[in-house]
Amino acid sequence: MLHKTLNIKGTLTLLDTPLVMGILNVTPDSFYADSRKQTEAAIEERIQAILSEGGQIIDLGGYSSRPDAAEVPPEEEMKRLAFALKILNTHYSDVALSVDTFRADVARRCVEEYGVAIINDISGGELDAEMFETVARLHVPYIMMHMRGTPQTMRQHTDYADLMEEIMLYFARKVRQLRLLGVNDIILDPGFGFSKTVDQNYTLMSHLCEFKEFGLPLLVGVSRKSMIYKYLGGTPADSLNGTTVLNTIALLNGADILRVHDVKAAVEAVKIVSKTFNFQLSTFNC
């Protein structure tokens, strides 16, 4: 059986046991209010919480991608990121760090100036034509998400003839483009909550196993999203239990990385599912 791996800063990371990626937002307007960290003390507290609870990757974001979020100029996005990156480089230089950006120049600066290890692009290269070539030159793992439109318009783009067929073709085309450029470490993110209705999100979850056909690491990010609270009622603050249920379903259907606000709950889900089935999780139900 082939084992999925990632080359993170020259270290080959085996994904037989799924990884947990903790979210660190240095934004004033991310959809989950408790995730917004803007002072040095709040950022450092969040970093320490992610690491002490067992998170293996920190995903840093300076641009809110929630529906109808305000546009953020590249200079402001980079300023926010740099503020947190200086803290991370000073005190946590050995941490595997991902930056959530769809801008090629922001990605380049984060890697070249601050040693960021992974680029996480919600647009799959659609919002910046230079992103694929930039990632290829940087030689870092690339998380490629499926989305239609922009964060500001994505709710207008949910008219799929066949949801799974269109997403699979989207990834097939883009994986080929990246391979031709020499990108080796590609992570697929189906894009829960992005240009998809509540029902479409659950359809996507029920077909998660189909992504194993690519033989690539699969990231799932459902943490406290509207597919939970719009269905069950409540708000993002009420959605931890629903998040854990969906994370467990995702693990049983091939997820290799969970991107979460609540690291401890996700780490426990990984441990319990792994303990129960006692073999590589990506083989279960797939």
Protein backbone atom coordinates (compact mmCIF):
# COMPACT_ATOMS: atom_id res chain seq x y z
CA MET A 1 0.00 0.00 0.00
CA LEU A 2 1.28 3.45 -0.90
CA HIS A 3 1.72 5.78 2.05
CA LYS A 4 0.79 9.44 1.69
CA THR A 5 3.57 11.82 2.71
CA LEU A 6 4.37 15.53 2.74
CA ASN A 7 7.78 17.13 2.49
CA ILE A 8 7.61 19.89 5.10
CA LYS A 9 10.83 21.90 5.25
CA GLY A 10 12.89 18.92 4.17
CA THR A 11 11.30 16.49 6.61
CA LEU A 12 9.15 13.72 5.18
CA THR A 13 5.93 13.62 7.19
CA LEU A 14 3.94 10.38 7.05
CA LEU A 15 0.15 10.76 6.98
CA ASP A 16 -0.84 7.27 8.15
CA THR A 17 -2.23 9.03 11.22
CA PRO A 18 -4.17 12.18 10.25
CA LEU A 19 -2.78 15.56 11.25
CA VAL A 20 -4.63 18.37 12.99
CA MET A 21 -4.17 21.92 11.70
CA GLY A 22 -5.08 24.67 14.15
CA ILE A 23 -6.54 27.92 12.80
CA LEU A 24 -4.93 31.24 13.77
CA ASN A 25 -6.80 34.20 12.29
CA VAL A 26 -5.23 37.65 12.59
CA THR A 27 -8.34 39.30 11.18
CA PRO A 28 -11.02 41.52 12.71
CA ASP A 29 -13.90 39.85 10.85
CA SER A 30 -13.54 36.06 10.60
CA PHE A 31 -16.92 34.31 10.83
CA TYR A 32 -16.19 32.73 14.23
CA ALA A 33 -15.60 35.64 16.58
CA ASP A 34 -13.51 33.66 19.07
CA SER A 35 -10.94 32.89 16.36
CA ARG A 36 -9.97 36.54 15.82
CA LYS A 37 -6.56 37.26 17.38
CA GLN A 38 -5.04 40.68 16.80
CA THR A 39 -2.79 41.53 19.75
CA GLU A 40 0.61 40.00 20.47
CA ALA A 41 -0.68 38.47 23.69
CA ALA A 42 -3.76 36.95 22.02
CA ILE A 43 -1.70 35.55 19.14
CA GLU A 44 0.85 33.97 21.46
CA GLU A 45 -1.88 32.51 23.65
CA ARG A 46 -3.52 30.95 20.59
CA ILE A 47 -0.23 29.50 19.35
CA GLN A 48 0.45 27.93 22.73
CA ALA A 49 -3.08 26.51 22.87
CA ILE A 50 -2.78 24.90 19.42
CA LEU A 51 0.55 23.29 20.28
CA SER A 52 -0.33 22.18 23.82
CA GLU A 53 -3.55 20.56 22.57
CA GLY A 54 -1.69 18.51 19.98
CA GLY A 55 -1.93 20.50 16.76
CA GLN A 56 0.85 19.67 14.31
CA ILE A 57 0.33 22.57 11.86
CA ILE A 58 -0.71 26.18 12.41
CA ASP A 59 -2.71 27.79 9.59
CA LEU A 60 -2.33 31.55 9.66
CA GLY A 61 -4.87 33.76 7.90
CA GLY A 62 -4.93 37.52 7.35
CA TYR A 63 -7.91 37.75 4.98
CA SER A 64 -11.38 36.65 6.05
CA SER A 65 -12.96 34.42 3.41
CA ARG A 66 -16.42 34.35 4.96
CA PRO A 67 -19.32 35.26 2.63
CA ASP A 68 -19.59 39.00 2.01
CA ALA A 69 -16.33 39.72 3.83
CA ALA A 70 -14.78 43.06 2.97
CA GLU A 71 -11.97 43.14 0.43
CA VAL A 72 -8.55 43.46 2.07
CA PRO A 73 -5.72 45.12 0.09
CA PRO A 74 -2.57 42.98 -0.33
CA GLU A 75 -0.53 45.42 1.76
CA GLU A 76 -2.93 45.11 4.70
CA GLU A 77 -3.06 41.32 4.42
CA MET A 78 0.74 41.12 4.44
CA LYS A 79 0.98 43.55 7.35
CA ARG A 80 -1.35 41.38 9.44
CA LEU A 81 0.50 38.21 8.54
CA ALA A 82 3.93 39.72 9.18
CA PHE A 83 2.89 40.81 12.68
CA ALA A 84 2.09 37.20 13.62
CA LEU A 85 4.96 35.68 11.64
CA LYS A 86 7.50 37.72 13.60
CA ILE A 87 6.10 36.29 16.82
CA LEU A 88 6.17 32.77 15.42
CA ASN A 89 9.73 33.10 14.12
CA THR A 90 10.96 34.52 17.40
CA HIS A 91 9.48 31.93 19.74
CA TYR A 92 8.20 29.01 17.64
CA SER A 93 10.58 28.69 14.70
CA ASP A 94 10.30 24.89 14.56
CA VAL A 95 6.50 24.88 14.09
CA ALA A 96 5.08 23.71 10.74
CA LEU A 97 3.34 26.82 9.50
CA SER A 98 0.80 27.26 6.72
CA VAL A 99 -0.38 30.61 5.37
CA ASP A 100 -3.93 30.97 4.05
CA THR A 101 -3.69 33.29 1.04
CA PHE A 102 -4.77 33.32 -2.59
CA ARG A 103 -2.22 35.98 -3.56
CA ALA A 104 1.01 34.76 -5.15
CA ASP A 105 3.15 37.66 -3.97
CA VAL A 106 1.92 37.33 -0.39
CA ALA A 107 2.70 33.61 -0.57
CA ARG A 108 6.17 34.32 -1.92
CA ARG A 109 7.00 36.83 0.79
CA CYS A 110 5.74 34.58 3.56
CA VAL A 111 7.94 31.71 2.40
CA GLU A 112 11.04 33.70 1.45
CA GLU A 113 11.04 36.23 4.29
CA TYR A 114 9.50 34.22 7.12
CA GLY A 115 10.12 30.55 6.31
CA VAL A 116 6.49 29.53 5.95
CA ALA A 117 6.25 25.81 5.09
CA ILE A 118 2.88 25.43 3.33
CA ILE A 119 0.63 27.62 1.16
CA ASN A 120 -3.13 27.22 1.59
CA ASP A 121 -5.04 28.73 -1.35
CA ILE A 122 -8.84 28.85 -1.14
CA SER A 123 -9.07 29.68 -4.84
CA GLY A 124 -6.99 26.88 -6.33
CA GLY A 125 -5.07 29.43 -8.36
CA GLU A 126 -8.21 31.00 -9.82
CA LEU A 127 -7.79 34.41 -8.17
CA ASP A 128 -4.12 34.91 -9.02
CA ALA A 129 -2.73 33.55 -12.29
CA GLU A 130 0.79 33.61 -10.85
CA MET A 131 0.07 31.29 -7.92
CA PHE A 132 0.89 27.93 -9.53
CA GLU A 133 4.24 29.06 -10.92
CA THR A 134 5.06 30.78 -7.63
CA VAL A 135 4.40 27.64 -5.59
CA ALA A 136 6.48 25.62 -8.06
CA ARG A 137 9.44 27.99 -7.58
CA LEU A 138 9.05 27.99 -3.80
CA HIS A 139 9.04 24.16 -3.55
CA VAL A 140 6.50 24.08 -0.72
CA PRO A 141 3.38 21.93 -0.25
CA TYR A 142 0.29 23.52 -1.76
CA ILE A 143 -3.25 23.15 -0.41
CA MET A 144 -5.63 23.58 -3.32
CA MET A 145 -9.27 24.22 -2.45
CA HIS A 146 -12.35 24.09 -4.65
CA MET A 147 -14.35 27.29 -4.85
CA ARG A 148 -16.34 29.14 -7.50
CA GLY A 149 -16.24 32.90 -7.73
CA THR A 150 -14.78 34.89 -4.84
CA PRO A 151 -15.58 35.03 -1.12
CA GLN A 152 -17.79 38.00 -1.95
CA THR A 153 -19.74 36.23 -4.74
CA MET A 154 -19.48 32.50 -3.99
CA ARG A 155 -23.07 32.16 -2.76
CA GLN A 156 -24.23 33.02 -6.29
CA HIS A 157 -22.33 30.04 -7.76
CA THR A 158 -24.06 26.91 -6.47
CA ASP A 159 -25.74 25.79 -9.72
CA TYR A 160 -23.97 22.48 -10.38
CA ALA A 161 -25.22 20.03 -13.00
CA ASP A 162 -23.34 17.30 -11.10
CA LEU A 163 -21.54 18.47 -7.95
CA MET A 164 -19.03 15.64 -7.60
CA GLU A 165 -18.25 15.36 -11.29
CA GLU A 166 -17.48 19.06 -11.55
CA ILE A 167 -15.27 19.09 -8.45
CA MET A 168 -13.38 15.98 -9.54
CA LEU A 169 -12.77 17.44 -13.01
CA TYR A 170 -11.66 20.72 -11.44
CA PHE A 171 -9.03 18.93 -9.37
CA ALA A 172 -7.95 16.64 -12.22
CA ARG A 173 -7.25 19.64 -14.45
CA LYS A 174 -5.41 21.60 -11.81
CA VAL A 175 -3.37 18.69 -10.48
CA ARG A 176 -2.12 18.12 -14.03
CA GLN A 177 -1.15 21.80 -14.36
CA LEU A 178 0.76 21.67 -11.07
CA ARG A 179 2.52 18.40 -11.96
CA LEU A 180 3.70 19.86 -15.27
CA LEU A 181 5.24 22.73 -13.31
CA GLY A 182 7.02 20.29 -11.01
CA VAL A 183 4.89 20.67 -7.87
CA ASN A 184 5.19 17.43 -5.90
CA ASP A 185 3.28 18.03 -2.67
CA ILE A 186 -0.37 18.78 -3.45
CA ILE A 187 -3.14 18.62 -0.85
CA LEU A 188 -6.78 18.63 -1.94
CA ASP A 189 -9.45 20.55 -0.02
CA PRO A 190 -13.03 20.00 -1.34
CA GLY A 191 -14.04 23.42 -0.03
CA PHE A 192 -16.83 22.80 2.45
CA GLY A 193 -18.87 25.99 2.79
CA PHE A 194 -17.48 27.61 -0.33
CA SER A 195 -19.90 28.03 -3.27
CA LYS A 196 -22.02 25.17 -1.93
CA THR A 197 -25.45 25.05 -0.30
CA VAL A 198 -26.02 23.27 3.00
CA ASP A 199 -27.36 20.20 1.17
CA GLN A 200 -24.47 20.24 -1.28
CA ASN A 201 -22.01 20.26 1.62
CA TYR A 202 -23.57 17.07 2.99
CA THR A 203 -23.57 15.48 -0.45
CA LEU A 204 -19.88 16.29 -0.68
CA MET A 205 -19.23 14.74 2.73
CA SER A 206 -21.06 11.56 1.74
CA HIS A 207 -18.83 11.21 -1.35
CA LEU A 208 -15.55 12.07 0.35
CA CYS A 209 -14.06 8.65 -0.42
CA GLU A 210 -14.06 9.44 -4.12
CA PHE A 211 -11.10 11.77 -3.67
CA LYS A 212 -8.87 8.78 -2.89
CA GLU A 213 -8.67 8.29 -6.66
CA PHE A 214 -6.12 11.11 -6.80
CA GLY A 215 -3.78 9.41 -4.33
CA LEU A 216 -3.15 12.80 -2.71
CA PRO A 217 -3.53 14.01 0.89
CA LEU A 218 -7.05 15.22 1.65
CA LEU A 219 -7.77 18.18 3.92
CA VAL A 220 -11.23 18.70 5.43
CA GLY A 221 -12.27 22.02 6.94
CA VAL A 222 -15.77 22.03 8.40
CA SER A 223 -15.01 23.66 11.74
CA ARG A 224 -18.05 25.53 13.08
CA LYS A 225 -19.27 26.28 9.53
CA SER A 226 -22.78 27.16 8.42
CA MET A 227 -23.47 23.63 7.17
CA ILE A 228 -23.71 22.80 10.89
CA TYR A 229 -25.55 25.71 12.47
CA LYS A 230 -27.85 26.44 9.53
CA TYR A 231 -28.99 22.83 9.67
CA LEU A 232 -29.10 22.28 13.46
CA GLY A 233 -29.84 25.87 14.49
CA GLY A 234 -27.71 28.20 16.54
CA THR A 235 -24.50 30.00 15.67
CA PRO A 236 -20.83 29.14 15.08
CA ALA A 237 -20.37 29.32 18.85
CA ASP A 238 -22.87 26.44 19.28
CA SER A 239 -21.27 24.19 16.67
CA LEU A 240 -18.47 22.27 18.37
CA ASN A 241 -20.44 19.04 18.71
CA GLY A 242 -21.55 19.11 15.08
CA THR A 243 -17.96 19.84 14.05
CA THR A 244 -16.69 16.80 15.93
CA VAL A 245 -19.32 14.55 14.37
CA LEU A 246 -18.41 15.72 10.86
CA ASN A 247 -14.69 15.45 11.58
CA THR A 248 -15.23 11.85 12.67
CA ILE A 249 -17.17 11.06 9.49
CA ALA A 250 -14.38 12.69 7.48
CA LEU A 251 -11.72 10.60 9.22
CA LEU A 252 -13.64 7.42 8.49
CA ASN A 253 -13.76 8.40 4.84
CA GLY A 254 -10.17 9.30 4.13
CA ALA A 255 -9.35 12.74 5.61
CA ASP A 256 -5.62 13.15 6.20
CA ILE A 257 -5.68 16.65 7.71
CA LEU A 258 -8.40 18.30 9.80
CA ARG A 259 -8.38 22.11 9.77
CA VAL A 260 -10.06 23.23 13.00
CA HIS A 261 -10.64 25.90 15.58
CA ASP A 262 -10.94 23.35 18.40
CA VAL A 263 -7.69 21.41 18.35
CA LYS A 264 -8.19 19.26 21.45
CA ALA A 265 -11.53 17.89 20.22
CA ALA A 266 -10.08 17.09 16.79
CA VAL A 267 -6.98 15.40 18.23
CA GLU A 268 -9.23 13.26 20.42
CA ALA A 269 -11.36 12.32 17.41
CA VAL A 270 -8.24 11.18 15.54
CA LYS A 271 -7.05 9.15 18.54
CA ILE A 272 -10.40 7.44 19.16
CA VAL A 273 -11.08 6.56 15.52
CA SER A 274 -7.52 5.30 15.10
CA LYS A 275 -7.70 3.26 18.32
CA THR A 276 -11.06 1.74 17.36
CA PHE A 277 -10.08 0.55 13.91
CA ASN A 278 -6.36 0.10 14.50
CA PHE A 279 -5.26 0.50 10.91
CA GLN A 280 -4.61 3.23 8.38
CA LEU A 281 -7.71 5.42 8.47
CA SER A 282 -7.74 6.19 4.76
CA THR A 283 -8.62 2.55 4.00
CA PHE A 284 -11.82 2.61 6.03
CA ASN A 285 -15.08 2.82 4.06
CA CYS A 286 -13.08 3.58 0.90
